[in-house]
Amino acid sequence: MTGVQTCALPISPEEACQLADELQFLLSLLDQEDSTGRLRKIAVWKLEGFTDEEIAQCQKCTRKTISAKLTLIRALWREADPT
């Protein structure tokens, strides 16, 4: 597994809190769409830097299935974006 990549850009504590709140909001949208928590797990693993293939191995499914789930996640998050 590839693991977590770190960001070299410093952010303020306020920015960190705002990002954390936004992430929790986006993840809660996934929970509303999928009560099993599978979409949330896939999204978190992708954000942590895992490849589609690695996620597929963890979920015991195909890379194509993960790709489809990620497309759904992106669509849900785009719909929620107020900009």
C-alpha atoms as a PDB file:
ATOM      1  CA  MET A   1       0.000   0.000   0.000  1.00  0.00           C
ATOM      2  CA  THR A   2       1.299   3.439  -0.867  1.00  0.00           C
ATOM      3  CA  GLY A   3       0.254   5.168   2.340  1.00  0.00           C
ATOM      4  CA  VAL A   4      -0.135   8.847   3.132  1.00  0.00           C
ATOM      5  CA  GLN A   5       1.610  11.657   1.308  1.00  0.00           C
ATOM      6  CA  THR A   6       2.293  14.824   3.246  1.00  0.00           C
ATOM      7  CA  CYS A   7       1.656  18.369   2.095  1.00  0.00           C
ATOM      8  CA  ALA A   8       4.589  20.769   2.125  1.00  0.00           C
ATOM      9  CA  LEU A   9       2.398  23.878   2.296  1.00  0.00           C
ATOM     10  CA  PRO A  10       1.853  25.213   5.808  1.00  0.00           C
ATOM     11  CA  ILE A  11      -1.714  26.035   6.767  1.00  0.00           C
ATOM     12  CA  SER A  12      -3.069  27.899   9.742  1.00  0.00           C
ATOM     13  CA  PRO A  13      -5.025  26.171  12.502  1.00  0.00           C
ATOM     14  CA  GLU A  14      -8.155  27.958  11.255  1.00  0.00           C
ATOM     15  CA  GLU A  15      -7.627  26.639   7.730  1.00  0.00           C
ATOM     16  CA  ALA A  16      -7.036  23.150   9.104  1.00  0.00           C
ATOM     17  CA  CYS A  17     -10.326  23.313  11.026  1.00  0.00           C
ATOM     18  CA  GLN A  18     -12.170  24.553   7.946  1.00  0.00           C
ATOM     19  CA  LEU A  19     -10.739  21.746   5.825  1.00  0.00           C
ATOM     20  CA  ALA A  20     -11.640  19.181   8.477  1.00  0.00           C
ATOM     21  CA  ASP A  21     -15.213  20.495   8.603  1.00  0.00           C
ATOM     22  CA  GLU A  22     -15.506  20.392   4.807  1.00  0.00           C
ATOM     23  CA  LEU A  23     -14.148  16.853   4.700  1.00  0.00           C
ATOM     24  CA  GLN A  24     -16.614  15.689   7.355  1.00  0.00           C
ATOM     25  CA  PHE A  25     -19.454  17.290   5.387  1.00  0.00           C
ATOM     26  CA  LEU A  26     -18.389  15.540   2.168  1.00  0.00           C
ATOM     27  CA  LEU A  27     -18.000  12.207   3.941  1.00  0.00           C
ATOM     28  CA  SER A  28     -21.442  12.612   5.522  1.00  0.00           C
ATOM     29  CA  LEU A  29     -22.893  12.945   2.010  1.00  0.00           C
ATOM     30  CA  LEU A  30     -21.439   9.536   1.221  1.00  0.00           C
ATOM     31  CA  ASP A  31     -22.966   8.102   4.393  1.00  0.00           C
ATOM     32  CA  GLN A  32     -26.384   9.395   3.288  1.00  0.00           C
ATOM     33  CA  GLU A  33     -25.976   7.741  -0.109  1.00  0.00           C
ATOM     34  CA  ASP A  34     -24.558   4.434   1.167  1.00  0.00           C
ATOM     35  CA  SER A  35     -25.473   3.148   4.617  1.00  0.00           C
ATOM     36  CA  THR A  36     -22.872   0.354   4.394  1.00  0.00           C
ATOM     37  CA  GLY A  37     -19.987   2.832   4.672  1.00  0.00           C
ATOM     38  CA  ARG A  38     -18.291   1.403   1.594  1.00  0.00           C
ATOM     39  CA  LEU A  39     -18.228   4.704  -0.327  1.00  0.00           C
ATOM     40  CA  ARG A  40     -16.722   6.454   2.695  1.00  0.00           C
ATOM     41  CA  LYS A  41     -13.976   3.841   3.000  1.00  0.00           C
ATOM     42  CA  ILE A  42     -13.144   4.088  -0.693  1.00  0.00           C
ATOM     43  CA  ALA A  43     -13.031   7.888  -0.567  1.00  0.00           C
ATOM     44  CA  VAL A  44     -10.823   7.949   2.533  1.00  0.00           C
ATOM     45  CA  TRP A  45      -8.410   5.398   1.094  1.00  0.00           C
ATOM     46  CA  LYS A  46      -8.184   7.374  -2.149  1.00  0.00           C
ATOM     47  CA  LEU A  47      -7.534  10.598  -0.212  1.00  0.00           C
ATOM     48  CA  GLU A  48      -4.825   8.772   1.742  1.00  0.00           C
ATOM     49  CA  GLY A  49      -3.066   7.995  -1.524  1.00  0.00           C
ATOM     50  CA  PHE A  50      -4.056   4.394  -2.194  1.00  0.00           C
ATOM     51  CA  THR A  51      -4.311   3.364  -5.845  1.00  0.00           C
ATOM     52  CA  ASP A  52      -7.512   2.033  -7.372  1.00  0.00           C
ATOM     53  CA  GLU A  53      -5.893  -1.400  -7.568  1.00  0.00           C
ATOM     54  CA  GLU A  54      -4.926  -1.347  -3.867  1.00  0.00           C
ATOM     55  CA  ILE A  55      -8.447  -0.295  -2.884  1.00  0.00           C
ATOM     56  CA  ALA A  56      -9.894  -3.051  -5.061  1.00  0.00           C
ATOM     57  CA  GLN A  57      -7.721  -5.606  -3.287  1.00  0.00           C
ATOM     58  CA  CYS A  58      -8.909  -4.361   0.125  1.00  0.00           C
ATOM     59  CA  GLN A  59     -12.544  -4.439  -0.977  1.00  0.00           C
ATOM     60  CA  LYS A  60     -12.169  -7.793  -2.768  1.00  0.00           C
ATOM     61  CA  CYS A  61     -13.543  -6.428  -6.038  1.00  0.00           C
ATOM     62  CA  THR A  62     -12.256  -5.288  -9.417  1.00  0.00           C
ATOM     63  CA  ARG A  63     -10.412  -2.075 -10.193  1.00  0.00           C
ATOM     64  CA  LYS A  64     -13.264  -1.252 -12.582  1.00  0.00           C
ATOM     65  CA  THR A  65     -15.741  -1.407  -9.677  1.00  0.00           C
ATOM     66  CA  ILE A  66     -13.588   0.979  -7.651  1.00  0.00           C
ATOM     67  CA  SER A  67     -13.294   3.313 -10.624  1.00  0.00           C
ATOM     68  CA  ALA A  68     -17.093   3.364 -10.928  1.00  0.00           C
ATOM     69  CA  LYS A  69     -17.480   4.043  -7.197  1.00  0.00           C
ATOM     70  CA  LEU A  70     -14.961   6.900  -7.392  1.00  0.00           C
ATOM     71  CA  THR A  71     -16.898   8.376 -10.323  1.00  0.00           C
ATOM     72  CA  LEU A  72     -20.057   8.255  -8.193  1.00  0.00           C
ATOM     73  CA  ILE A  73     -18.234   9.862  -5.244  1.00  0.00           C
ATOM     74  CA  ARG A  74     -16.942  12.694  -7.447  1.00  0.00           C
ATOM     75  CA  ALA A  75     -20.434  13.274  -8.864  1.00  0.00           C
ATOM     76  CA  LEU A  76     -21.979  13.440  -5.385  1.00  0.00           C
ATOM     77  CA  TRP A  77     -19.317  15.861  -4.223  1.00  0.00           C
ATOM     78  CA  ARG A  78     -19.693  18.050  -7.341  1.00  0.00           C
ATOM     79  CA  GLU A  79     -23.443  18.285  -6.727  1.00  0.00           C
ATOM     80  CA  ALA A  80     -22.773  19.459  -3.174  1.00  0.00           C
ATOM     81  CA  ASP A  81     -20.253  22.138  -4.237  1.00  0.00           C
ATOM     82  CA  PRO A  82     -21.977  25.539  -3.917  1.00  0.00           C
ATOM     83  CA  THR A  83     -19.562  27.223  -6.372  1.00  0.00           C
END
